[in-house]
Amino acid sequence: VELQPELRRVSSKVFVNQAKMYQKLDRVCEAITPIQTWISLDPIKRDTTQSRGLISKYREQGDCSNNYSSGSATIKQSNTKAVLVEAKVNGISGKFLLDTGASYVSVNKSFAERADITEVDGSKILLRTANGITAGSIALAESISVQGATANEVTVVTLADSDNQLGKQLDGLLGLSFLARFDLSFIDGIWTLSARSDVN
């Protein structure tokens, strides 16, 4: 998925199969995220009774109401049109670029070490970045929060500091593995994240 230049063109079957893999790994609440990611790429057409039913199925199986997402956040966009946020990952604060075009939250290796983010053994991934294809490692953050918006057990990708495309002032990208757990709106220069009603 990460190697595709246009995520909207990726078949729904790919996201459904991702969800099934999470389910078989007994990480049922995480199985919701690929479905929410698929919806978020075209919510007008994809936020349907069928997709919400699939989310509800995983929510009930994993008892996800208390740890999938909660709370809300309000973020003002800067004049540069970049959306910079302070996020806490496992309780450690960092500076992130909000990126609705990234499937995963990604963090620099040095920040991952500070935040005690656990990598999944042997789980490597290739990412398409502005500078080409970059290798990363799949990992799991116990919690990520932006203001009052919080999600637990979030899949992230760790990248070598030398592959940092963002400059030394940023610790990573805040992608859809976190954002898709929330209803996301942008009005008058203000981004709002609200825990999705279909999983609370």
N, C-alpha and C. Protein backbone atom coordinates (compact mmCIF):
# COMPACT_ATOMS: atom_id res chain seq x y z
N VAL A 1 0.83 -1.20 0.00
CA VAL A 1 0.00 0.00 0.00
C VAL A 1 0.87 1.26 0.00
N GLU A 2 1.90 1.24 0.82
CA GLU A 2 2.75 2.43 0.95
C GLU A 2 3.52 2.75 -0.33
N LEU A 3 3.67 1.79 -1.21
CA LEU A 3 4.41 2.03 -2.45
C LEU A 3 3.53 2.60 -3.55
N GLN A 4 2.24 2.66 -3.33
CA GLN A 4 1.33 3.15 -4.36
C GLN A 4 1.34 4.67 -4.40
N PRO A 5 1.46 5.26 -5.58
CA PRO A 5 1.47 6.73 -5.66
C PRO A 5 0.12 7.36 -5.36
N GLU A 6 -0.98 6.60 -5.61
CA GLU A 6 -2.32 7.12 -5.33
C GLU A 6 -3.09 6.08 -4.53
N LEU A 7 -3.24 6.33 -3.22
CA LEU A 7 -3.88 5.37 -2.34
C LEU A 7 -5.34 5.12 -2.71
N ARG A 8 -5.99 6.13 -3.29
CA ARG A 8 -7.40 5.96 -3.64
C ARG A 8 -7.63 4.84 -4.64
N ARG A 9 -6.60 4.54 -5.44
CA ARG A 9 -6.75 3.53 -6.47
C ARG A 9 -6.48 2.11 -5.98
N VAL A 10 -6.04 1.98 -4.73
CA VAL A 10 -5.80 0.66 -4.17
C VAL A 10 -7.14 -0.01 -3.89
N SER A 11 -7.27 -1.26 -4.32
CA SER A 11 -8.53 -1.99 -4.16
C SER A 11 -8.93 -2.11 -2.70
N SER A 12 -10.23 -2.10 -2.47
CA SER A 12 -10.74 -2.29 -1.11
C SER A 12 -10.32 -3.64 -0.54
N LYS A 13 -10.10 -4.63 -1.42
CA LYS A 13 -9.71 -5.96 -0.96
C LYS A 13 -8.39 -5.93 -0.21
N VAL A 14 -7.50 -5.03 -0.62
CA VAL A 14 -6.20 -4.93 0.05
C VAL A 14 -6.39 -4.50 1.51
N PHE A 15 -7.24 -3.52 1.74
CA PHE A 15 -7.48 -3.03 3.09
C PHE A 15 -8.25 -4.07 3.92
N VAL A 16 -9.20 -4.75 3.29
CA VAL A 16 -9.94 -5.81 3.99
C VAL A 16 -9.00 -6.94 4.39
N ASN A 17 -8.08 -7.30 3.51
CA ASN A 17 -7.12 -8.36 3.83
C ASN A 17 -6.16 -7.93 4.94
N GLN A 18 -5.79 -6.65 4.94
CA GLN A 18 -4.98 -6.14 6.05
C GLN A 18 -5.73 -6.33 7.37
N ALA A 19 -6.99 -5.98 7.37
CA ALA A 19 -7.81 -6.12 8.58
C ALA A 19 -7.87 -7.58 9.03
N LYS A 20 -8.01 -8.50 8.08
CA LYS A 20 -8.08 -9.92 8.42
C LYS A 20 -6.77 -10.41 9.02
N MET A 21 -5.66 -9.86 8.53
CA MET A 21 -4.36 -10.27 9.08
C MET A 21 -4.22 -9.81 10.52
N TYR A 22 -4.64 -8.56 10.81
CA TYR A 22 -4.61 -8.09 12.18
C TYR A 22 -5.48 -8.98 13.07
N GLN A 23 -6.65 -9.36 12.55
CA GLN A 23 -7.56 -10.21 13.31
C GLN A 23 -6.90 -11.54 13.65
N LYS A 24 -6.21 -12.14 12.67
CA LYS A 24 -5.57 -13.44 12.90
C LYS A 24 -4.38 -13.33 13.85
N LEU A 25 -3.80 -12.14 13.95
CA LEU A 25 -2.72 -11.90 14.90
C LEU A 25 -3.24 -11.59 16.29
N ASP A 26 -4.58 -11.67 16.45
CA ASP A 26 -5.24 -11.36 17.71
C ASP A 26 -5.03 -9.91 18.12
N ARG A 27 -4.99 -9.03 17.10
CA ARG A 27 -4.91 -7.58 17.31
C ARG A 27 -6.15 -6.98 16.65
N VAL A 28 -7.31 -7.38 17.21
CA VAL A 28 -8.59 -7.12 16.53
C VAL A 28 -8.91 -5.64 16.44
N CYS A 29 -8.58 -4.88 17.48
CA CYS A 29 -8.88 -3.44 17.42
C CYS A 29 -8.09 -2.76 16.31
N GLU A 30 -6.85 -3.23 16.07
CA GLU A 30 -6.06 -2.67 14.97
C GLU A 30 -6.65 -3.01 13.61
N ALA A 31 -7.46 -4.07 13.56
CA ALA A 31 -8.09 -4.45 12.30
C ALA A 31 -9.05 -3.37 11.80
N ILE A 32 -9.50 -2.52 12.71
CA ILE A 32 -10.41 -1.44 12.32
C ILE A 32 -9.67 -0.40 11.48
N THR A 33 -8.40 -0.16 11.77
CA THR A 33 -7.67 0.94 11.15
C THR A 33 -7.59 0.84 9.62
N PRO A 34 -7.26 -0.32 9.02
CA PRO A 34 -7.25 -0.37 7.55
C PRO A 34 -8.60 -0.02 6.93
N ILE A 35 -9.68 -0.42 7.59
CA ILE A 35 -11.01 -0.10 7.07
C ILE A 35 -11.26 1.41 7.16
N GLN A 36 -10.88 1.99 8.29
CA GLN A 36 -11.05 3.44 8.46
C GLN A 36 -10.15 4.20 7.48
N THR A 37 -8.97 3.67 7.21
CA THR A 37 -8.07 4.31 6.25
C THR A 37 -8.71 4.32 4.87
N TRP A 38 -9.26 3.19 4.46
CA TRP A 38 -9.93 3.09 3.16
C TRP A 38 -11.09 4.09 3.08
N ILE A 39 -11.87 4.19 4.14
CA ILE A 39 -13.00 5.13 4.16
C ILE A 39 -12.50 6.57 4.05
N SER A 40 -11.45 6.89 4.79
CA SER A 40 -10.98 8.28 4.87
C SER A 40 -10.46 8.79 3.53
N LEU A 41 -10.10 7.89 2.61
CA LEU A 41 -9.59 8.31 1.31
C LEU A 41 -10.70 8.81 0.39
N ASP A 42 -11.95 8.46 0.69
CA ASP A 42 -13.10 8.94 -0.08
C ASP A 42 -14.37 8.75 0.75
N PRO A 43 -14.50 9.52 1.85
CA PRO A 43 -15.58 9.27 2.80
C PRO A 43 -16.98 9.41 2.23
N ILE A 44 -17.18 10.27 1.24
CA ILE A 44 -18.53 10.45 0.69
C ILE A 44 -19.04 9.16 0.08
N LYS A 45 -18.18 8.45 -0.63
CA LYS A 45 -18.59 7.21 -1.30
C LYS A 45 -18.42 5.97 -0.42
N ARG A 46 -17.49 6.03 0.52
CA ARG A 46 -17.11 4.80 1.21
C ARG A 46 -17.65 4.66 2.63
N ASP A 47 -18.15 5.75 3.20
CA ASP A 47 -18.72 5.66 4.54
C ASP A 47 -20.14 5.12 4.43
N THR A 48 -20.24 3.80 4.31
CA THR A 48 -21.50 3.14 4.02
C THR A 48 -21.93 2.23 5.17
N THR A 49 -23.16 1.72 5.06
CA THR A 49 -23.65 0.76 6.05
C THR A 49 -22.75 -0.47 6.11
N GLN A 50 -22.27 -0.91 4.93
CA GLN A 50 -21.43 -2.10 4.88
C GLN A 50 -20.08 -1.87 5.58
N SER A 51 -19.43 -0.74 5.29
CA SER A 51 -18.13 -0.49 5.92
C SER A 51 -18.28 -0.26 7.42
N ARG A 52 -19.33 0.44 7.82
CA ARG A 52 -19.54 0.64 9.25
C ARG A 52 -19.88 -0.67 9.95
N GLY A 53 -20.59 -1.57 9.23
CA GLY A 53 -20.89 -2.88 9.81
C GLY A 53 -19.64 -3.69 10.05
N LEU A 54 -18.68 -3.60 9.14
CA LEU A 54 -17.41 -4.30 9.31
C LEU A 54 -16.65 -3.76 10.51
N ILE A 55 -16.65 -2.44 10.65
CA ILE A 55 -16.00 -1.82 11.81
C ILE A 55 -16.67 -2.27 13.10
N SER A 56 -17.99 -2.30 13.11
CA SER A 56 -18.73 -2.71 14.31
C SER A 56 -18.40 -4.15 14.68
N LYS A 57 -18.24 -5.01 13.67
CA LYS A 57 -17.90 -6.41 13.93
C LYS A 57 -16.58 -6.52 14.67
N TYR A 58 -15.56 -5.81 14.17
CA TYR A 58 -14.26 -5.86 14.83
C TYR A 58 -14.31 -5.19 16.20
N ARG A 59 -15.06 -4.11 16.31
CA ARG A 59 -15.18 -3.43 17.61
C ARG A 59 -15.74 -4.36 18.67
N GLU A 60 -16.77 -5.12 18.31
CA GLU A 60 -17.39 -6.03 19.26
C GLU A 60 -16.45 -7.19 19.59
N GLN A 61 -15.77 -7.72 18.58
CA GLN A 61 -14.86 -8.84 18.81
C GLN A 61 -13.71 -8.44 19.73
N GLY A 62 -13.19 -7.22 19.54
CA GLY A 62 -12.03 -6.79 20.30
C GLY A 62 -12.34 -5.97 21.53
N ASP A 63 -13.63 -5.71 21.77
CA ASP A 63 -14.03 -4.84 22.89
C ASP A 63 -13.22 -3.55 22.84
N CYS A 64 -13.33 -2.85 21.70
CA CYS A 64 -12.45 -1.72 21.40
C CYS A 64 -12.98 -0.37 21.85
N SER A 65 -14.13 -0.34 22.48
CA SER A 65 -14.75 0.96 22.76
C SER A 65 -13.90 1.85 23.65
N ASN A 66 -13.09 1.26 24.52
CA ASN A 66 -12.35 2.08 25.47
C ASN A 66 -10.92 2.39 25.04
N ASN A 67 -10.41 1.68 24.04
CA ASN A 67 -9.00 1.91 23.71
C ASN A 67 -8.74 2.26 22.25
N TYR A 68 -9.79 2.25 21.44
CA TYR A 68 -9.56 2.54 20.02
C TYR A 68 -9.31 4.02 19.81
N SER A 69 -10.22 4.86 20.25
CA SER A 69 -10.02 6.32 20.18
C SER A 69 -10.95 7.01 21.16
N SER A 70 -10.51 8.17 21.63
CA SER A 70 -11.34 8.95 22.55
C SER A 70 -10.92 10.41 22.47
N GLY A 71 -11.84 11.28 22.85
CA GLY A 71 -11.53 12.70 22.97
C GLY A 71 -11.48 13.45 21.65
N SER A 72 -10.95 14.67 21.70
CA SER A 72 -10.92 15.53 20.51
C SER A 72 -9.75 16.49 20.59
N ALA A 73 -9.47 17.12 19.46
CA ALA A 73 -8.39 18.11 19.38
C ALA A 73 -8.75 19.16 18.34
N THR A 74 -8.25 20.37 18.55
CA THR A 74 -8.44 21.47 17.60
C THR A 74 -7.07 22.04 17.27
N ILE A 75 -6.74 22.05 15.98
CA ILE A 75 -5.39 22.43 15.54
C ILE A 75 -5.48 23.53 14.51
N LYS A 76 -4.79 24.63 14.73
CA LYS A 76 -4.78 25.73 13.77
C LYS A 76 -3.67 25.52 12.75
N GLN A 77 -4.03 25.66 11.48
CA GLN A 77 -3.03 25.51 10.42
C GLN A 77 -2.20 26.77 10.30
N SER A 78 -0.89 26.59 10.12
CA SER A 78 -0.01 27.74 10.04
C SER A 78 -0.11 28.39 8.66
N ASN A 79 0.49 29.56 8.51
CA ASN A 79 0.46 30.28 7.24
C ASN A 79 1.17 29.53 6.12
N THR A 80 2.07 28.62 6.47
CA THR A 80 2.81 27.86 5.47
C THR A 80 2.00 26.70 4.90
N LYS A 81 0.81 26.51 5.42
CA LYS A 81 -0.09 25.42 5.06
C LYS A 81 0.37 24.07 5.59
N ALA A 82 1.50 24.04 6.28
CA ALA A 82 1.92 22.82 6.96
C ALA A 82 1.19 22.76 8.30
N VAL A 83 0.73 21.58 8.66
CA VAL A 83 0.02 21.41 9.92
C VAL A 83 0.97 20.73 10.90
N LEU A 84 1.53 21.51 11.81
CA LEU A 84 2.46 21.00 12.79
C LEU A 84 1.75 20.80 14.11
N VAL A 85 1.98 19.67 14.73
CA VAL A 85 1.30 19.37 15.99
C VAL A 85 2.30 18.82 16.99
N GLU A 86 1.99 19.05 18.26
CA GLU A 86 2.73 18.38 19.32
C GLU A 86 1.94 17.15 19.71
N ALA A 87 2.54 15.99 19.58
CA ALA A 87 1.89 14.74 19.92
C ALA A 87 2.69 14.05 21.02
N LYS A 88 2.00 13.32 21.85
CA LYS A 88 2.65 12.50 22.86
C LYS A 88 2.55 11.04 22.44
N VAL A 89 3.69 10.40 22.31
CA VAL A 89 3.75 8.98 21.96
C VAL A 89 4.29 8.24 23.17
N ASN A 90 3.48 7.36 23.72
CA ASN A 90 3.85 6.67 24.97
C ASN A 90 4.25 7.68 26.05
N GLY A 91 3.58 8.83 26.02
CA GLY A 91 3.81 9.85 27.04
C GLY A 91 4.97 10.79 26.75
N ILE A 92 5.70 10.57 25.64
CA ILE A 92 6.85 11.41 25.29
C ILE A 92 6.44 12.40 24.21
N SER A 93 6.67 13.69 24.44
CA SER A 93 6.25 14.73 23.50
C SER A 93 7.20 14.81 22.31
N GLY A 94 6.61 15.05 21.14
CA GLY A 94 7.40 15.24 19.93
C GLY A 94 6.67 16.16 18.97
N LYS A 95 7.40 16.68 17.98
CA LYS A 95 6.81 17.54 16.96
C LYS A 95 6.57 16.72 15.70
N PHE A 96 5.33 16.78 15.20
CA PHE A 96 4.93 15.97 14.07
C PHE A 96 4.26 16.82 12.99
N LEU A 97 4.37 16.36 11.77
CA LEU A 97 3.66 16.96 10.66
C LEU A 97 2.42 16.13 10.40
N LEU A 98 1.25 16.74 10.46
CA LEU A 98 0.00 16.04 10.18
C LEU A 98 -0.06 15.77 8.68
N ASP A 99 -0.20 14.50 8.30
CA ASP A 99 -0.13 14.11 6.90
C ASP A 99 -1.23 13.11 6.58
N THR A 100 -2.32 13.61 5.99
CA THR A 100 -3.44 12.73 5.64
C THR A 100 -3.15 11.85 4.43
N GLY A 101 -1.99 12.04 3.80
CA GLY A 101 -1.61 11.21 2.67
C GLY A 101 -0.70 10.07 3.06
N ALA A 102 -0.35 9.96 4.33
CA ALA A 102 0.52 8.88 4.80
C ALA A 102 -0.31 7.82 5.50
N SER A 103 -0.12 6.56 5.14
CA SER A 103 -0.91 5.49 5.73
C SER A 103 -0.58 5.29 7.21
N TYR A 104 0.67 5.52 7.58
CA TYR A 104 1.11 5.23 8.93
C TYR A 104 1.67 6.47 9.63
N VAL A 105 1.61 6.45 10.94
CA VAL A 105 2.45 7.34 11.73
C VAL A 105 3.88 6.85 11.54
N SER A 106 4.81 7.75 11.26
CA SER A 106 6.21 7.37 11.16
C SER A 106 7.02 8.23 12.12
N VAL A 107 8.04 7.60 12.71
CA VAL A 107 8.87 8.30 13.69
C VAL A 107 10.34 8.02 13.40
N ASN A 108 11.18 8.98 13.74
CA ASN A 108 12.62 8.78 13.63
C ASN A 108 13.07 7.77 14.67
N LYS A 109 14.11 7.03 14.34
CA LYS A 109 14.62 5.99 15.23
C LYS A 109 14.99 6.55 16.60
N SER A 110 15.59 7.72 16.62
CA SER A 110 16.00 8.30 17.90
C SER A 110 14.79 8.63 18.77
N PHE A 111 13.71 9.12 18.14
CA PHE A 111 12.50 9.40 18.92
C PHE A 111 11.87 8.09 19.38
N ALA A 112 11.86 7.08 18.52
CA ALA A 112 11.31 5.77 18.89
C ALA A 112 12.00 5.22 20.13
N GLU A 113 13.30 5.42 20.23
CA GLU A 113 14.04 4.94 21.39
C GLU A 113 13.64 5.72 22.64
N ARG A 114 13.49 7.05 22.50
CA ARG A 114 13.08 7.86 23.66
C ARG A 114 11.68 7.48 24.13
N ALA A 115 10.81 7.17 23.19
CA ALA A 115 9.42 6.86 23.52
C ALA A 115 9.21 5.37 23.82
N ASP A 116 10.28 4.59 23.79
CA ASP A 116 10.20 3.17 24.10
C ASP A 116 9.15 2.46 23.23
N ILE A 117 9.23 2.73 21.92
CA ILE A 117 8.32 2.11 20.96
C ILE A 117 8.86 0.73 20.60
N THR A 118 7.99 -0.26 20.68
CA THR A 118 8.39 -1.65 20.47
C THR A 118 8.27 -2.02 19.00
N GLU A 119 9.38 -2.44 18.39
CA GLU A 119 9.33 -2.91 17.01
C GLU A 119 8.84 -4.35 16.97
N VAL A 120 8.11 -4.68 15.91
CA VAL A 120 7.64 -6.04 15.70
C VAL A 120 8.77 -6.82 15.03
N ASP A 121 9.19 -7.92 15.64
CA ASP A 121 10.34 -8.68 15.13
C ASP A 121 10.16 -9.05 13.66
N GLY A 122 11.17 -8.69 12.86
CA GLY A 122 11.20 -9.11 11.46
C GLY A 122 10.22 -8.41 10.56
N SER A 123 9.53 -7.39 11.05
CA SER A 123 8.51 -6.73 10.24
C SER A 123 9.09 -5.48 9.58
N LYS A 124 9.46 -5.61 8.34
CA LYS A 124 10.01 -4.50 7.57
C LYS A 124 9.00 -4.04 6.54
N ILE A 125 9.13 -2.78 6.13
CA ILE A 125 8.20 -2.22 5.15
C ILE A 125 8.97 -1.23 4.27
N LEU A 126 8.56 -1.14 3.01
CA LEU A 126 9.12 -0.14 2.11
C LEU A 126 8.13 1.01 1.98
N LEU A 127 8.62 2.23 2.08
CA LEU A 127 7.79 3.43 2.01
C LEU A 127 8.19 4.28 0.82
N ARG A 128 7.21 4.86 0.17
CA ARG A 128 7.48 5.84 -0.88
C ARG A 128 7.56 7.22 -0.24
N THR A 129 8.70 7.88 -0.35
CA THR A 129 8.88 9.21 0.22
C THR A 129 9.23 10.19 -0.88
N ALA A 130 9.41 11.45 -0.50
CA ALA A 130 9.75 12.48 -1.48
C ALA A 130 11.10 12.19 -2.14
N ASN A 131 11.94 11.46 -1.44
CA ASN A 131 13.28 11.15 -1.97
C ASN A 131 13.40 9.72 -2.47
N GLY A 132 12.28 9.06 -2.73
CA GLY A 132 12.33 7.70 -3.26
C GLY A 132 11.85 6.67 -2.25
N ILE A 133 12.29 5.42 -2.45
CA ILE A 133 11.85 4.31 -1.61
C ILE A 133 12.77 4.19 -0.39
N THR A 134 12.16 4.10 0.79
CA THR A 134 12.90 4.00 2.04
C THR A 134 12.41 2.81 2.83
N ALA A 135 13.31 2.09 3.48
CA ALA A 135 12.95 0.94 4.31
C ALA A 135 12.67 1.40 5.74
N GLY A 136 11.65 0.82 6.34
CA GLY A 136 11.34 1.11 7.74
C GLY A 136 10.96 -0.17 8.45
N SER A 137 10.71 -0.06 9.75
CA SER A 137 10.32 -1.20 10.57
C SER A 137 8.96 -0.94 11.19
N ILE A 138 8.09 -1.95 11.13
CA ILE A 138 6.78 -1.85 11.76
C ILE A 138 6.95 -1.92 13.28
N ALA A 139 6.23 -1.06 13.98
CA ALA A 139 6.31 -1.03 15.44
C ALA A 139 4.93 -0.72 16.00
N LEU A 140 4.83 -0.77 17.31
CA LEU A 140 3.55 -0.53 17.97
C LEU A 140 3.73 0.47 19.09
N ALA A 141 2.95 1.56 19.03
CA ALA A 141 2.95 2.55 20.11
C ALA A 141 1.78 2.23 21.05
N GLU A 142 2.05 2.21 22.33
CA GLU A 142 0.99 1.92 23.28
C GLU A 142 -0.09 3.00 23.25
N SER A 143 0.33 4.25 23.06
CA SER A 143 -0.65 5.33 22.99
C SER A 143 -0.07 6.50 22.21
N ILE A 144 -0.95 7.20 21.51
CA ILE A 144 -0.61 8.46 20.85
C ILE A 144 -1.73 9.44 21.17
N SER A 145 -1.35 10.66 21.56
CA SER A 145 -2.37 11.66 21.86
C SER A 145 -1.96 13.01 21.29
N VAL A 146 -2.95 13.74 20.83
CA VAL A 146 -2.81 15.12 20.40
C VAL A 146 -3.86 15.90 21.16
N GLN A 147 -3.42 16.76 22.06
CA GLN A 147 -4.35 17.44 22.97
C GLN A 147 -5.19 16.38 23.67
N GLY A 148 -6.53 16.44 23.50
CA GLY A 148 -7.39 15.46 24.17
C GLY A 148 -7.74 14.26 23.33
N ALA A 149 -7.24 14.20 22.09
CA ALA A 149 -7.53 13.07 21.20
C ALA A 149 -6.50 11.98 21.43
N THR A 150 -6.96 10.80 21.83
CA THR A 150 -6.05 9.72 22.20
C THR A 150 -6.44 8.42 21.53
N ALA A 151 -5.43 7.67 21.07
CA ALA A 151 -5.65 6.33 20.52
C ALA A 151 -4.59 5.41 21.11
N ASN A 152 -4.98 4.19 21.38
CA ASN A 152 -4.07 3.21 21.96
C ASN A 152 -3.74 2.11 20.96
N GLU A 153 -2.57 1.50 21.14
CA GLU A 153 -2.10 0.40 20.30
C GLU A 153 -2.15 0.80 18.82
N VAL A 154 -1.35 1.79 18.49
CA VAL A 154 -1.31 2.36 17.14
C VAL A 154 -0.08 1.82 16.39
N THR A 155 -0.31 1.33 15.18
CA THR A 155 0.80 0.88 14.35
C THR A 155 1.59 2.08 13.85
N VAL A 156 2.91 2.01 13.99
CA VAL A 156 3.79 3.08 13.51
C VAL A 156 4.93 2.44 12.71
N VAL A 157 5.63 3.27 11.98
CA VAL A 157 6.82 2.83 11.25
C VAL A 157 8.01 3.64 11.76
N THR A 158 9.08 2.96 12.11
CA THR A 158 10.30 3.65 12.54
C THR A 158 11.27 3.74 11.37
N LEU A 159 11.87 4.91 11.23
CA LEU A 159 12.82 5.18 10.14
C LEU A 159 14.16 5.59 10.70
N ALA A 160 15.23 5.21 10.04
CA ALA A 160 16.56 5.65 10.44
C ALA A 160 16.62 7.18 10.39
N ASP A 161 17.31 7.79 11.33
CA ASP A 161 17.41 9.25 11.35
C ASP A 161 17.97 9.78 10.04
N SER A 162 18.82 9.02 9.38
CA SER A 162 19.41 9.46 8.11
C SER A 162 18.38 9.52 7.00
N ASP A 163 17.21 8.83 7.19
CA ASP A 163 16.14 8.86 6.19
C ASP A 163 15.10 9.92 6.49
N ASN A 164 15.34 10.73 7.51
CA ASN A 164 14.40 11.77 7.90
C ASN A 164 14.27 12.81 6.79
N GLN A 165 13.07 12.92 6.24
CA GLN A 165 12.82 13.89 5.16
C GLN A 165 12.34 15.23 5.70
N LEU A 166 12.22 15.35 7.02
CA LEU A 166 11.49 16.47 7.59
C LEU A 166 12.38 17.51 8.26
N GLY A 167 13.65 17.22 8.37
CA GLY A 167 14.51 18.14 9.08
C GLY A 167 14.62 17.77 10.55
N LYS A 168 15.65 18.26 11.19
CA LYS A 168 15.92 17.88 12.58
C LYS A 168 14.88 18.39 13.55
N GLN A 169 14.09 19.37 13.15
CA GLN A 169 13.14 19.96 14.09
C GLN A 169 11.89 19.11 14.28
N LEU A 170 11.69 18.09 13.43
CA LEU A 170 10.50 17.24 13.54
C LEU A 170 10.87 15.81 13.89
N ASP A 171 9.96 15.17 14.62
CA ASP A 171 10.20 13.79 15.05
C ASP A 171 9.49 12.76 14.18
N GLY A 172 8.57 13.21 13.31
CA GLY A 172 7.89 12.25 12.45
C GLY A 172 6.66 12.81 11.77
N LEU A 173 5.92 11.90 11.15
CA LEU A 173 4.67 12.22 10.48
C LEU A 173 3.51 11.60 11.24
N LEU A 174 2.42 12.32 11.33
CA LEU A 174 1.21 11.80 11.96
C LEU A 174 0.27 11.37 10.84
N GLY A 175 0.28 10.08 10.54
CA GLY A 175 -0.48 9.56 9.41
C GLY A 175 -1.78 8.89 9.80
N LEU A 176 -2.34 8.15 8.85
CA LEU A 176 -3.70 7.62 9.00
C LEU A 176 -3.84 6.49 10.01
N SER A 177 -2.76 5.82 10.40
CA SER A 177 -2.92 4.79 11.42
C SER A 177 -3.39 5.41 12.74
N PHE A 178 -3.16 6.72 12.92
CA PHE A 178 -3.74 7.46 14.03
C PHE A 178 -4.96 8.26 13.59
N LEU A 179 -4.82 9.04 12.52
CA LEU A 179 -5.86 9.99 12.12
C LEU A 179 -7.17 9.31 11.72
N ALA A 180 -7.09 8.12 11.10
CA ALA A 180 -8.31 7.46 10.62
C ALA A 180 -9.20 6.99 11.75
N ARG A 181 -8.71 7.03 12.95
CA ARG A 181 -9.54 6.65 14.09
C ARG A 181 -10.46 7.78 14.54
N PHE A 182 -10.32 8.95 13.88
CA PHE A 182 -11.09 10.13 14.26
C PHE A 182 -11.83 10.69 13.05
N ASP A 183 -12.95 11.35 13.32
CA ASP A 183 -13.57 12.18 12.29
C ASP A 183 -12.70 13.43 12.16
N LEU A 184 -12.27 13.72 10.94
CA LEU A 184 -11.32 14.81 10.69
C LEU A 184 -11.99 15.85 9.82
N SER A 185 -12.02 17.09 10.26
CA SER A 185 -12.62 18.17 9.47
C SER A 185 -11.68 19.37 9.41
N PHE A 186 -11.84 20.18 8.35
CA PHE A 186 -11.03 21.37 8.18
C PHE A 186 -11.95 22.51 7.77
N ILE A 187 -12.10 23.50 8.65
CA ILE A 187 -12.98 24.64 8.41
C ILE A 187 -12.27 25.91 8.87
N ASP A 188 -12.19 26.89 7.96
CA ASP A 188 -11.62 28.21 8.29
C ASP A 188 -10.23 28.10 8.94
N GLY A 189 -9.39 27.26 8.36
CA GLY A 189 -8.02 27.15 8.86
C GLY A 189 -7.86 26.34 10.13
N ILE A 190 -8.92 25.67 10.56
CA ILE A 190 -8.87 24.89 11.80
C ILE A 190 -9.15 23.43 11.49
N TRP A 191 -8.23 22.55 11.91
CA TRP A 191 -8.44 21.11 11.85
C TRP A 191 -9.05 20.64 13.16
N THR A 192 -10.06 19.79 13.06
CA THR A 192 -10.69 19.22 14.26
C THR A 192 -10.68 17.71 14.18
N LEU A 193 -10.21 17.07 15.23
CA LEU A 193 -10.25 15.63 15.36
C LEU A 193 -11.25 15.27 16.45
N SER A 194 -12.17 14.36 16.14
CA SER A 194 -13.15 13.91 17.13
C SER A 194 -13.24 12.39 17.05
N ALA A 195 -13.22 11.74 18.20
CA ALA A 195 -13.31 10.28 18.22
C ALA A 195 -14.54 9.83 17.44
N ARG A 196 -14.34 8.85 16.58
CA ARG A 196 -15.42 8.42 15.69
C ARG A 196 -16.56 7.79 16.48
N SER A 197 -17.77 8.19 16.12
CA SER A 197 -18.95 7.73 16.85
C SER A 197 -19.22 6.25 16.63
N ASP A 198 -18.70 5.66 15.54
CA ASP A 198 -19.02 4.26 15.26
C ASP A 198 -18.17 3.30 16.07
N VAL A 199 -17.22 3.79 16.87
CA VAL A 199 -16.43 2.89 17.71
C VAL A 199 -16.46 3.32 19.17
N ASN A 200 -17.42 4.16 19.54
CA ASN A 200 -17.54 4.57 20.94
C ASN A 200 -18.91 4.19 21.46
